[in-house]
Amino acid sequence: MGKIAFVFAGQGAQYPGMGRELAQCSQGAREVFAKLDALRPGTSDQCFSGSDEDLKNTANTQPCMFAVELAAAAALAEKGVKADVSAGFSLGELAALTHSGAADLETGFRLVCRRGELMAREAEANPSTMAAVLKLTNQQVEAVCGQFEEVYPVNYNCPGQVSVAFRKESLKPFSAAVKEAGGRALPLKVQGGFHSPFMAKAAEDFANVLAQVQLNQPEIPLYSNCTGEVYAGDPRALLARQISSPVRWETIVRNMIAAGVDTFIELGPGRTLCGLIEKIDKTVRTFPMETRADLDKILEEVAGC
């Protein structure tokens, strides 16, 4: 058997009721929610009972996603399922960082809360959004983006899918240009143009926040969104830069597979990352992890319980 990777979901996968089953079936998950509620009262209520509109607010999305993801990790840990390597998509990178032991739960949560606040602020100051471009190569997407001002390729997700950030008024002309090139632009459920220059001030301010905390070396290999490679040295510079830089998700997955990973477990709501990984390499196994049924399947097929 090859290595197991835990991959932590990013913004856009959230939904009302996420994490409720985890709290019902796992003592470890309940403890995570309780600890985070003590730091940010109402976090679990937002996850379990918040409206779709509440959860779309970046300042809420990021701490709520973090909570569900670390609760999922705790539920797996209870059953003895551990990761050999780890990565997270966008905000999921802070969940992965915390799970890896580079930050304790309180520090990781405080960081993700502040990150969400800063990114929400910049989204309001720079009205922008994102779309996933399908059916075009990376180079084709970059060429279409080059036809516009302030249109940026930001998430290199998998073959034939790149997310792009732009000002809201650019959605129609950009979508038309994508269609003319043979692709399709699918608007994303996000509040701003993340991982682009629209977030430059948030990245700068988050660097100042990170400068005030102590981070340890990860206990397992942790892959960087910015480089697609395993972190080496102090992770703070890359964590700050990540906010305004593209996510190299396809590179991360290919590097993990080259390092011996053949099983990916996606922690958090939905199975967006599972879908991307399957498009990158159909030979690996992927498992979502957010419900009781997900946990049971992982225990049966991965842990052999």
C-alpha atoms as a PDB file:
ATOM      1  CA  MET A   1       0.000   0.000   0.000  1.00  0.00           C
ATOM      2  CA  GLY A   2       1.211   3.499  -0.847  1.00  0.00           C
ATOM      3  CA  LYS A   3       1.100   6.638   1.232  1.00  0.00           C
ATOM      4  CA  ILE A   4      -2.023   8.446   2.447  1.00  0.00           C
ATOM      5  CA  ALA A   5      -2.505  12.181   1.846  1.00  0.00           C
ATOM      6  CA  PHE A   6      -4.954  14.299   3.792  1.00  0.00           C
ATOM      7  CA  VAL A   7      -6.138  17.193   1.620  1.00  0.00           C
ATOM      8  CA  PHE A   8      -8.184  19.987   3.184  1.00  0.00           C
ATOM      9  CA  ALA A   9     -11.007  21.634   1.229  1.00  0.00           C
ATOM     10  CA  GLY A  10     -11.143  25.260   0.122  1.00  0.00           C
ATOM     11  CA  GLN A  11     -13.741  27.992   0.085  1.00  0.00           C
ATOM     12  CA  GLY A  12     -16.780  27.349  -2.095  1.00  0.00           C
ATOM     13  CA  ALA A  13     -17.479  23.839  -0.775  1.00  0.00           C
ATOM     14  CA  GLN A  14     -19.398  25.110   2.272  1.00  0.00           C
ATOM     15  CA  TYR A  15     -23.079  24.316   2.772  1.00  0.00           C
ATOM     16  CA  PRO A  16     -25.637  24.730   5.602  1.00  0.00           C
ATOM     17  CA  GLY A  17     -25.462  21.807   8.012  1.00  0.00           C
ATOM     18  CA  MET A  18     -21.856  20.881   7.294  1.00  0.00           C
ATOM     19  CA  GLY A  19     -20.129  19.032  10.113  1.00  0.00           C
ATOM     20  CA  ARG A  20     -23.300  18.153  12.007  1.00  0.00           C
ATOM     21  CA  GLU A  21     -22.899  14.408  11.457  1.00  0.00           C
ATOM     22  CA  LEU A  22     -19.282  14.561  12.569  1.00  0.00           C
ATOM     23  CA  ALA A  23     -20.323  16.086  15.882  1.00  0.00           C
ATOM     24  CA  GLN A  24     -22.967  13.399  16.297  1.00  0.00           C
ATOM     25  CA  CYS A  25     -20.686  10.426  15.624  1.00  0.00           C
ATOM     26  CA  SER A  26     -17.282  11.473  16.988  1.00  0.00           C
ATOM     27  CA  GLN A  27     -16.196  12.594  20.442  1.00  0.00           C
ATOM     28  CA  GLY A  28     -12.996  14.000  18.965  1.00  0.00           C
ATOM     29  CA  ALA A  29     -14.976  16.100  16.487  1.00  0.00           C
ATOM     30  CA  ARG A  30     -17.224  17.399  19.275  1.00  0.00           C
ATOM     31  CA  GLU A  31     -14.165  18.431  21.254  1.00  0.00           C
ATOM     32  CA  VAL A  32     -12.788  20.394  18.286  1.00  0.00           C
ATOM     33  CA  PHE A  33     -16.081  22.263  17.829  1.00  0.00           C
ATOM     34  CA  ALA A  34     -16.267  22.988  21.568  1.00  0.00           C
ATOM     35  CA  LYS A  35     -12.718  24.394  21.662  1.00  0.00           C
ATOM     36  CA  LEU A  36     -13.329  26.610  18.642  1.00  0.00           C
ATOM     37  CA  ASP A  37     -16.690  27.802  19.978  1.00  0.00           C
ATOM     38  CA  ALA A  38     -14.820  28.988  23.082  1.00  0.00           C
ATOM     39  CA  LEU A  39     -12.560  31.088  20.842  1.00  0.00           C
ATOM     40  CA  ARG A  40     -15.269  32.279  18.445  1.00  0.00           C
ATOM     41  CA  PRO A  41     -18.729  31.778  19.965  1.00  0.00           C
ATOM     42  CA  GLY A  42     -21.321  30.460  17.539  1.00  0.00           C
ATOM     43  CA  THR A  43     -18.923  28.788  15.102  1.00  0.00           C
ATOM     44  CA  SER A  44     -20.548  25.344  15.354  1.00  0.00           C
ATOM     45  CA  ASP A  45     -24.029  26.899  15.135  1.00  0.00           C
ATOM     46  CA  GLN A  46     -23.022  28.614  11.887  1.00  0.00           C
ATOM     47  CA  CYS A  47     -21.772  25.289  10.523  1.00  0.00           C
ATOM     48  CA  PHE A  48     -24.810  23.280  11.598  1.00  0.00           C
ATOM     49  CA  SER A  49     -27.618  25.837  11.261  1.00  0.00           C
ATOM     50  CA  GLY A  50     -26.302  28.908   9.430  1.00  0.00           C
ATOM     51  CA  SER A  51     -27.935  30.029   6.207  1.00  0.00           C
ATOM     52  CA  ASP A  52     -26.301  29.744   2.817  1.00  0.00           C
ATOM     53  CA  GLU A  53     -25.944  33.533   2.832  1.00  0.00           C
ATOM     54  CA  ASP A  54     -24.219  33.498   6.231  1.00  0.00           C
ATOM     55  CA  LEU A  55     -21.754  30.885   5.056  1.00  0.00           C
ATOM     56  CA  LYS A  56     -20.954  32.763   1.839  1.00  0.00           C
ATOM     57  CA  ASN A  57     -19.531  35.629   3.909  1.00  0.00           C
ATOM     58  CA  THR A  58     -15.775  35.064   3.759  1.00  0.00           C
ATOM     59  CA  ALA A  59     -15.316  36.143   7.374  1.00  0.00           C
ATOM     60  CA  ASN A  60     -17.628  33.255   8.346  1.00  0.00           C
ATOM     61  CA  THR A  61     -16.705  30.762   5.623  1.00  0.00           C
ATOM     62  CA  GLN A  62     -13.072  30.409   6.553  1.00  0.00           C
ATOM     63  CA  PRO A  63     -13.386  29.713  10.312  1.00  0.00           C
ATOM     64  CA  CYS A  64     -16.373  27.417   9.706  1.00  0.00           C
ATOM     65  CA  MET A  65     -14.562  25.410   7.027  1.00  0.00           C
ATOM     66  CA  PHE A  66     -11.492  25.171   9.282  1.00  0.00           C
ATOM     67  CA  ALA A  67     -13.669  23.867  12.123  1.00  0.00           C
ATOM     68  CA  VAL A  68     -15.272  21.133  10.005  1.00  0.00           C
ATOM     69  CA  GLU A  69     -11.925  20.106   8.515  1.00  0.00           C
ATOM     70  CA  LEU A  70     -10.137  19.776  11.860  1.00  0.00           C
ATOM     71  CA  ALA A  71     -13.170  17.964  13.293  1.00  0.00           C
ATOM     72  CA  ALA A  72     -12.918  15.487  10.406  1.00  0.00           C
ATOM     73  CA  ALA A  73      -9.218  14.998  11.134  1.00  0.00           C
ATOM     74  CA  ALA A  74     -10.029  14.358  14.802  1.00  0.00           C
ATOM     75  CA  ALA A  75     -12.670  11.777  13.864  1.00  0.00           C
ATOM     76  CA  LEU A  76     -10.110   9.924  11.739  1.00  0.00           C
ATOM     77  CA  ALA A  77      -7.453  10.154  14.449  1.00  0.00           C
ATOM     78  CA  GLU A  78      -9.850   8.485  16.901  1.00  0.00           C
ATOM     79  CA  LYS A  79      -9.932   5.483  14.583  1.00  0.00           C
ATOM     80  CA  GLY A  80      -6.197   5.417  13.983  1.00  0.00           C
ATOM     81  CA  VAL A  81      -6.249   6.793  10.424  1.00  0.00           C
ATOM     82  CA  LYS A  82      -3.226   9.044   9.907  1.00  0.00           C
ATOM     83  CA  ALA A  83      -1.722  10.959   7.001  1.00  0.00           C
ATOM     84  CA  ASP A  84       1.751  10.492   5.602  1.00  0.00           C
ATOM     85  CA  VAL A  85       1.633  13.863   3.794  1.00  0.00           C
ATOM     86  CA  SER A  86      -0.769  16.796   3.720  1.00  0.00           C
ATOM     87  CA  ALA A  87      -1.910  19.841   1.762  1.00  0.00           C
ATOM     88  CA  GLY A  88      -4.850  22.212   1.717  1.00  0.00           C
ATOM     89  CA  PHE A  89      -6.504  24.194  -1.028  1.00  0.00           C
ATOM     90  CA  SER A  90      -6.387  27.939  -0.267  1.00  0.00           C
ATOM     91  CA  LEU A  91      -7.834  28.372   3.254  1.00  0.00           C
ATOM     92  CA  GLY A  92      -7.452  24.600   3.625  1.00  0.00           C
ATOM     93  CA  GLU A  93      -3.690  25.151   3.754  1.00  0.00           C
ATOM     94  CA  LEU A  94      -4.057  26.621   7.248  1.00  0.00           C
ATOM     95  CA  ALA A  95      -6.082  23.576   8.301  1.00  0.00           C
ATOM     96  CA  ALA A  96      -3.360  21.350   6.859  1.00  0.00           C
ATOM     97  CA  LEU A  97      -0.689  23.415   8.618  1.00  0.00           C
ATOM     98  CA  THR A  98      -2.486  22.991  11.934  1.00  0.00           C
ATOM     99  CA  HIS A  99      -3.077  19.278  11.408  1.00  0.00           C
ATOM    100  CA  SER A 100       0.622  18.833  10.588  1.00  0.00           C
ATOM    101  CA  GLY A 101       1.609  20.167  14.013  1.00  0.00           C
ATOM    102  CA  ALA A 102       3.145  23.398  12.721  1.00  0.00           C
ATOM    103  CA  ALA A 103       0.510  25.348  14.679  1.00  0.00           C
ATOM    104  CA  ASP A 104      -1.647  24.354  17.620  1.00  0.00           C
ATOM    105  CA  LEU A 105      -5.437  24.382  17.205  1.00  0.00           C
ATOM    106  CA  GLU A 106      -5.908  27.771  18.866  1.00  0.00           C
ATOM    107  CA  THR A 107      -3.166  29.471  16.834  1.00  0.00           C
ATOM    108  CA  GLY A 108      -4.363  27.965  13.555  1.00  0.00           C
ATOM    109  CA  PHE A 109      -7.931  29.037  14.237  1.00  0.00           C
ATOM    110  CA  ARG A 110      -6.975  32.574  15.184  1.00  0.00           C
ATOM    111  CA  LEU A 111      -4.942  32.820  11.990  1.00  0.00           C
ATOM    112  CA  VAL A 112      -7.766  31.569   9.784  1.00  0.00           C
ATOM    113  CA  CYS A 113     -10.247  33.950  11.437  1.00  0.00           C
ATOM    114  CA  ARG A 114      -7.957  36.911  10.797  1.00  0.00           C
ATOM    115  CA  ARG A 115      -7.243  35.733   7.253  1.00  0.00           C
ATOM    116  CA  GLY A 116     -10.975  35.587   6.542  1.00  0.00           C
ATOM    117  CA  GLU A 117     -11.502  39.087   7.915  1.00  0.00           C
ATOM    118  CA  LEU A 118      -8.686  40.556   5.834  1.00  0.00           C
ATOM    119  CA  MET A 119      -9.811  38.862   2.630  1.00  0.00           C
ATOM    120  CA  ALA A 120     -13.438  39.909   3.207  1.00  0.00           C
ATOM    121  CA  ARG A 121     -12.242  43.496   3.677  1.00  0.00           C
ATOM    122  CA  GLU A 122     -10.334  43.467   0.398  1.00  0.00           C
ATOM    123  CA  ALA A 123     -13.227  41.797  -1.426  1.00  0.00           C
ATOM    124  CA  GLU A 124     -15.423  44.701  -0.345  1.00  0.00           C
ATOM    125  CA  ALA A 125     -12.790  47.285  -1.288  1.00  0.00           C
ATOM    126  CA  ASN A 126     -12.176  45.643  -4.685  1.00  0.00           C
ATOM    127  CA  PRO A 127     -15.518  44.261  -5.963  1.00  0.00           C
ATOM    128  CA  SER A 128     -14.349  41.147  -7.751  1.00  0.00           C
ATOM    129  CA  THR A 129     -15.253  37.529  -8.286  1.00  0.00           C
ATOM    130  CA  MET A 130     -14.011  34.315  -9.876  1.00  0.00           C
ATOM    131  CA  ALA A 131     -14.959  31.777 -12.532  1.00  0.00           C
ATOM    132  CA  ALA A 132     -13.681  28.322 -13.370  1.00  0.00           C
ATOM    133  CA  VAL A 133     -12.644  28.073 -17.015  1.00  0.00           C
ATOM    134  CA  LEU A 134     -13.270  24.608 -18.453  1.00  0.00           C
ATOM    135  CA  LYS A 135     -12.098  22.826 -21.607  1.00  0.00           C
ATOM    136  CA  LEU A 136      -9.066  25.049 -22.287  1.00  0.00           C
ATOM    137  CA  THR A 137      -5.381  24.438 -21.612  1.00  0.00           C
ATOM    138  CA  ASN A 138      -3.518  26.539 -19.071  1.00  0.00           C
ATOM    139  CA  GLN A 139      -1.827  28.403 -21.903  1.00  0.00           C
ATOM    140  CA  GLN A 140      -5.141  29.127 -23.640  1.00  0.00           C
ATOM    141  CA  VAL A 141      -6.618  30.505 -20.414  1.00  0.00           C
ATOM    142  CA  GLU A 142      -3.571  32.690 -19.875  1.00  0.00           C
ATOM    143  CA  ALA A 143      -3.898  34.000 -23.448  1.00  0.00           C
ATOM    144  CA  VAL A 144      -7.575  34.905 -22.957  1.00  0.00           C
ATOM    145  CA  CYS A 145      -6.751  36.626 -19.646  1.00  0.00           C
ATOM    146  CA  GLY A 146      -4.085  38.631 -21.472  1.00  0.00           C
ATOM    147  CA  GLN A 147      -6.788  40.242 -23.613  1.00  0.00           C
ATOM    148  CA  PHE A 148      -8.163  42.071 -20.542  1.00  0.00           C
ATOM    149  CA  GLU A 149      -7.030  44.425 -17.831  1.00  0.00           C
ATOM    150  CA  GLU A 150      -7.125  43.007 -14.276  1.00  0.00           C
ATOM    151  CA  VAL A 151      -8.095  39.465 -15.248  1.00  0.00           C
ATOM    152  CA  TYR A 152      -5.838  36.878 -13.610  1.00  0.00           C
ATOM    153  CA  PRO A 153      -5.460  33.073 -13.794  1.00  0.00           C
ATOM    154  CA  VAL A 154      -5.314  32.110 -10.124  1.00  0.00           C
ATOM    155  CA  ASN A 155      -6.020  28.421  -9.438  1.00  0.00           C
ATOM    156  CA  TYR A 156      -4.430  25.744 -11.619  1.00  0.00           C
ATOM    157  CA  ASN A 157      -6.801  22.986 -10.535  1.00  0.00           C
ATOM    158  CA  CYS A 158      -6.455  20.101 -12.995  1.00  0.00           C
ATOM    159  CA  PRO A 159      -6.116  19.519 -16.745  1.00  0.00           C
ATOM    160  CA  GLY A 160      -8.776  21.599 -18.469  1.00  0.00           C
ATOM    161  CA  GLN A 161      -9.724  23.669 -15.415  1.00  0.00           C
ATOM    162  CA  VAL A 162      -8.234  26.974 -14.291  1.00  0.00           C
ATOM    163  CA  SER A 163      -9.974  29.461 -11.997  1.00  0.00           C
ATOM    164  CA  VAL A 164      -9.731  33.127 -12.951  1.00  0.00           C
ATOM    165  CA  ALA A 165     -10.231  36.286 -10.867  1.00  0.00           C
ATOM    166  CA  PHE A 166     -11.550  39.573 -12.245  1.00  0.00           C
ATOM    167  CA  ARG A 167     -13.659  42.615 -11.448  1.00  0.00           C
ATOM    168  CA  LYS A 168     -17.355  41.800 -11.509  1.00  0.00           C
ATOM    169  CA  GLU A 169     -18.046  43.915 -14.593  1.00  0.00           C
ATOM    170  CA  SER A 170     -15.604  41.744 -16.567  1.00  0.00           C
ATOM    171  CA  LEU A 171     -17.644  38.542 -16.150  1.00  0.00           C
ATOM    172  CA  LYS A 172     -19.731  38.875 -19.328  1.00  0.00           C
ATOM    173  CA  PRO A 173     -16.993  39.973 -21.750  1.00  0.00           C
ATOM    174  CA  PHE A 174     -14.534  37.469 -20.285  1.00  0.00           C
ATOM    175  CA  SER A 175     -17.070  34.625 -20.511  1.00  0.00           C
ATOM    176  CA  ALA A 176     -17.739  35.556 -24.141  1.00  0.00           C
ATOM    177  CA  ALA A 177     -14.016  35.474 -24.936  1.00  0.00           C
ATOM    178  CA  VAL A 178     -13.676  32.079 -23.260  1.00  0.00           C
ATOM    179  CA  LYS A 179     -16.587  30.737 -25.308  1.00  0.00           C
ATOM    180  CA  GLU A 180     -15.019  32.070 -28.499  1.00  0.00           C
ATOM    181  CA  ALA A 181     -11.812  30.208 -27.616  1.00  0.00           C
ATOM    182  CA  GLY A 182     -13.760  26.961 -27.232  1.00  0.00           C
ATOM    183  CA  GLY A 183     -14.168  26.884 -23.461  1.00  0.00           C
ATOM    184  CA  ARG A 184     -16.778  27.635 -20.845  1.00  0.00           C
ATOM    185  CA  ALA A 185     -16.630  29.989 -17.847  1.00  0.00           C
ATOM    186  CA  LEU A 186     -18.518  28.833 -14.755  1.00  0.00           C
ATOM    187  CA  PRO A 187     -19.018  31.522 -12.038  1.00  0.00           C
ATOM    188  CA  LEU A 188     -17.868  30.416  -8.587  1.00  0.00           C
ATOM    189  CA  LYS A 189     -19.617  30.794  -5.229  1.00  0.00           C
ATOM    190  CA  VAL A 190     -17.038  33.150  -3.709  1.00  0.00           C
ATOM    191  CA  GLN A 191     -17.107  36.694  -2.368  1.00  0.00           C
ATOM    192  CA  GLY A 192     -14.009  38.069  -4.085  1.00  0.00           C
ATOM    193  CA  GLY A 193     -11.151  37.670  -6.533  1.00  0.00           C
ATOM    194  CA  PHE A 194      -8.904  35.591  -4.308  1.00  0.00           C
ATOM    195  CA  HIS A 195      -5.270  34.622  -5.018  1.00  0.00           C
ATOM    196  CA  SER A 196      -4.860  37.678  -7.236  1.00  0.00           C
ATOM    197  CA  PRO A 197      -3.476  41.216  -6.945  1.00  0.00           C
ATOM    198  CA  PHE A 198      -6.922  42.248  -5.630  1.00  0.00           C
ATOM    199  CA  MET A 199      -5.785  40.640  -2.348  1.00  0.00           C
ATOM    200  CA  ALA A 200      -2.340  42.304  -2.161  1.00  0.00           C
ATOM    201  CA  LYS A 201      -3.152  44.422   0.911  1.00  0.00           C
ATOM    202  CA  ALA A 202      -4.655  41.408   2.699  1.00  0.00           C
ATOM    203  CA  ALA A 203      -1.451  39.458   2.015  1.00  0.00           C
ATOM    204  CA  GLU A 204       0.668  42.320   3.365  1.00  0.00           C
ATOM    205  CA  ASP A 205      -1.413  42.625   6.528  1.00  0.00           C
ATOM    206  CA  PHE A 206      -1.519  38.856   7.050  1.00  0.00           C
ATOM    207  CA  ALA A 207       2.281  38.797   6.892  1.00  0.00           C
ATOM    208  CA  ASN A 208       2.283  41.189   9.854  1.00  0.00           C
ATOM    209  CA  VAL A 209      -0.121  38.893  11.726  1.00  0.00           C
ATOM    210  CA  LEU A 210       2.059  35.861  11.017  1.00  0.00           C
ATOM    211  CA  ALA A 211       5.154  37.709  12.246  1.00  0.00           C
ATOM    212  CA  GLN A 212       3.619  37.728  15.733  1.00  0.00           C
ATOM    213  CA  VAL A 213       3.089  33.960  16.024  1.00  0.00           C
ATOM    214  CA  GLN A 214       5.399  31.021  16.533  1.00  0.00           C
ATOM    215  CA  LEU A 215       5.126  28.212  13.990  1.00  0.00           C
ATOM    216  CA  ASN A 216       6.893  24.873  14.293  1.00  0.00           C
ATOM    217  CA  GLN A 217       8.249  22.597  11.608  1.00  0.00           C
ATOM    218  CA  PRO A 218       5.473  20.334  10.262  1.00  0.00           C
ATOM    219  CA  GLU A 219       5.596  16.788  11.622  1.00  0.00           C
ATOM    220  CA  ILE A 220       4.730  15.362   8.177  1.00  0.00           C
ATOM    221  CA  PRO A 221       5.541  16.736   4.697  1.00  0.00           C
ATOM    222  CA  LEU A 222       3.265  19.717   3.997  1.00  0.00           C
ATOM    223  CA  TYR A 223       2.895  21.029   0.445  1.00  0.00           C
ATOM    224  CA  SER A 224       2.737  24.742  -0.404  1.00  0.00           C
ATOM    225  CA  ASN A 225       0.005  26.262  -2.591  1.00  0.00           C
ATOM    226  CA  CYS A 226       2.484  28.803  -3.961  1.00  0.00           C
ATOM    227  CA  THR A 227       5.193  26.403  -5.077  1.00  0.00           C
ATOM    228  CA  GLY A 228       3.555  22.993  -5.254  1.00  0.00           C
ATOM    229  CA  GLU A 229       6.552  21.690  -3.291  1.00  0.00           C
ATOM    230  CA  VAL A 230       7.055  20.562   0.304  1.00  0.00           C
ATOM    231  CA  TYR A 231       7.576  23.427   2.734  1.00  0.00           C
ATOM    232  CA  ALA A 232      11.170  23.950   3.831  1.00  0.00           C
ATOM    233  CA  GLY A 233      12.133  26.402   6.556  1.00  0.00           C
ATOM    234  CA  ASP A 234       9.840  29.058   8.002  1.00  0.00           C
ATOM    235  CA  PRO A 235       6.423  28.768   6.289  1.00  0.00           C
ATOM    236  CA  ARG A 236       5.219  32.271   7.144  1.00  0.00           C
ATOM    237  CA  ALA A 237       6.378  34.078   3.994  1.00  0.00           C
ATOM    238  CA  LEU A 238       4.662  31.567   1.703  1.00  0.00           C
ATOM    239  CA  LEU A 239       1.498  31.547   3.829  1.00  0.00           C
ATOM    240  CA  ALA A 240       1.180  35.311   3.432  1.00  0.00           C
ATOM    241  CA  ARG A 241       2.055  35.287  -0.268  1.00  0.00           C
ATOM    242  CA  GLN A 242      -0.507  32.555  -0.885  1.00  0.00           C
ATOM    243  CA  ILE A 243      -3.410  35.005  -0.416  1.00  0.00           C
ATOM    244  CA  SER A 244      -2.469  36.984  -3.536  1.00  0.00           C
ATOM    245  CA  SER A 245      -0.722  34.233  -5.551  1.00  0.00           C
ATOM    246  CA  PRO A 246      -2.034  31.364  -7.715  1.00  0.00           C
ATOM    247  CA  VAL A 247      -2.763  27.961  -6.176  1.00  0.00           C
ATOM    248  CA  ARG A 248      -0.679  25.237  -7.888  1.00  0.00           C
ATOM    249  CA  TRP A 249      -3.035  22.388  -7.025  1.00  0.00           C
ATOM    250  CA  GLU A 250      -2.289  20.156 -10.020  1.00  0.00           C
ATOM    251  CA  THR A 251       1.434  20.460  -9.285  1.00  0.00           C
ATOM    252  CA  ILE A 252       0.862  19.544  -5.624  1.00  0.00           C
ATOM    253  CA  VAL A 253      -1.103  16.421  -6.513  1.00  0.00           C
ATOM    254  CA  ARG A 254       1.387  15.266  -9.140  1.00  0.00           C
ATOM    255  CA  ASN A 255       4.276  15.793  -6.699  1.00  0.00           C
ATOM    256  CA  MET A 256       2.451  13.814  -3.996  1.00  0.00           C
ATOM    257  CA  ILE A 257       1.853  10.929  -6.387  1.00  0.00           C
ATOM    258  CA  ALA A 258       5.511  11.002  -7.427  1.00  0.00           C
ATOM    259  CA  ALA A 259       6.390  10.758  -3.717  1.00  0.00           C
ATOM    260  CA  GLY A 260       4.341   7.553  -3.378  1.00  0.00           C
ATOM    261  CA  VAL A 261       0.837   8.732  -2.480  1.00  0.00           C
ATOM    262  CA  ASP A 262      -1.923   6.516  -3.870  1.00  0.00           C
ATOM    263  CA  THR A 263      -4.757   7.371  -1.450  1.00  0.00           C
ATOM    264  CA  PHE A 264      -6.211  10.859  -0.981  1.00  0.00           C
ATOM    265  CA  ILE A 265      -8.690  11.685   1.788  1.00  0.00           C
ATOM    266  CA  GLU A 266     -10.471  15.036   1.418  1.00  0.00           C
ATOM    267  CA  LEU A 267     -11.337  16.554   4.782  1.00  0.00           C
ATOM    268  CA  GLY A 268     -14.247  18.985   4.891  1.00  0.00           C
ATOM    269  CA  PRO A 269     -17.528  19.454   3.053  1.00  0.00           C
ATOM    270  CA  GLY A 270     -18.095  18.136  -0.440  1.00  0.00           C
ATOM    271  CA  ARG A 271     -15.744  16.266  -2.737  1.00  0.00           C
ATOM    272  CA  THR A 272     -14.384  19.070  -4.937  1.00  0.00           C
ATOM    273  CA  LEU A 273     -10.763  18.067  -4.373  1.00  0.00           C
ATOM    274  CA  CYS A 274     -11.557  14.390  -4.953  1.00  0.00           C
ATOM    275  CA  GLY A 275     -12.990  15.351  -8.336  1.00  0.00           C
ATOM    276  CA  LEU A 276      -9.924  17.381  -9.271  1.00  0.00           C
ATOM    277  CA  ILE A 277      -7.547  14.628  -8.181  1.00  0.00           C
ATOM    278  CA  GLU A 278      -9.445  12.033 -10.218  1.00  0.00           C
ATOM    279  CA  LYS A 279      -9.007  14.232 -13.299  1.00  0.00           C
ATOM    280  CA  ILE A 280      -5.289  14.541 -12.630  1.00  0.00           C
ATOM    281  CA  ASP A 281      -4.703  10.788 -12.165  1.00  0.00           C
ATOM    282  CA  LYS A 282      -7.443   8.170 -12.440  1.00  0.00           C
ATOM    283  CA  THR A 283      -5.309   5.434 -10.890  1.00  0.00           C
ATOM    284  CA  VAL A 284      -5.310   6.816  -7.332  1.00  0.00           C
ATOM    285  CA  ARG A 285      -8.012   6.309  -4.714  1.00  0.00           C
ATOM    286  CA  THR A 286     -10.015   9.268  -3.380  1.00  0.00           C
ATOM    287  CA  PHE A 287     -12.322   9.456  -0.364  1.00  0.00           C
ATOM    288  CA  PRO A 288     -14.377  12.374   0.969  1.00  0.00           C
ATOM    289  CA  MET A 289     -14.514  12.682   4.766  1.00  0.00           C
ATOM    290  CA  GLU A 290     -17.326  14.694   6.337  1.00  0.00           C
ATOM    291  CA  THR A 291     -20.182  12.308   7.197  1.00  0.00           C
ATOM    292  CA  ARG A 292     -20.664   9.098   9.160  1.00  0.00           C
ATOM    293  CA  ALA A 293     -20.948   7.156   5.886  1.00  0.00           C
ATOM    294  CA  ASP A 294     -17.666   8.695   4.687  1.00  0.00           C
ATOM    295  CA  LEU A 295     -15.943   7.623   7.908  1.00  0.00           C
ATOM    296  CA  ASP A 296     -17.311   4.091   7.679  1.00  0.00           C
ATOM    297  CA  LYS A 297     -16.109   3.715   4.090  1.00  0.00           C
ATOM    298  CA  ILE A 298     -12.610   4.953   4.935  1.00  0.00           C
ATOM    299  CA  LEU A 299     -12.391   2.566   7.883  1.00  0.00           C
ATOM    300  CA  GLU A 300     -13.436  -0.333   5.666  1.00  0.00           C
ATOM    301  CA  GLU A 301     -11.382   0.415   2.550  1.00  0.00           C
ATOM    302  CA  VAL A 302      -8.351   2.297   3.914  1.00  0.00           C
ATOM    303  CA  ALA A 303      -7.907   1.192   7.514  1.00  0.00           C
ATOM    304  CA  GLY A 304      -9.243  -2.347   6.987  1.00  0.00           C
ATOM    305  CA  CYS A 305     -11.501  -2.097  10.038  1.00  0.00           C
END
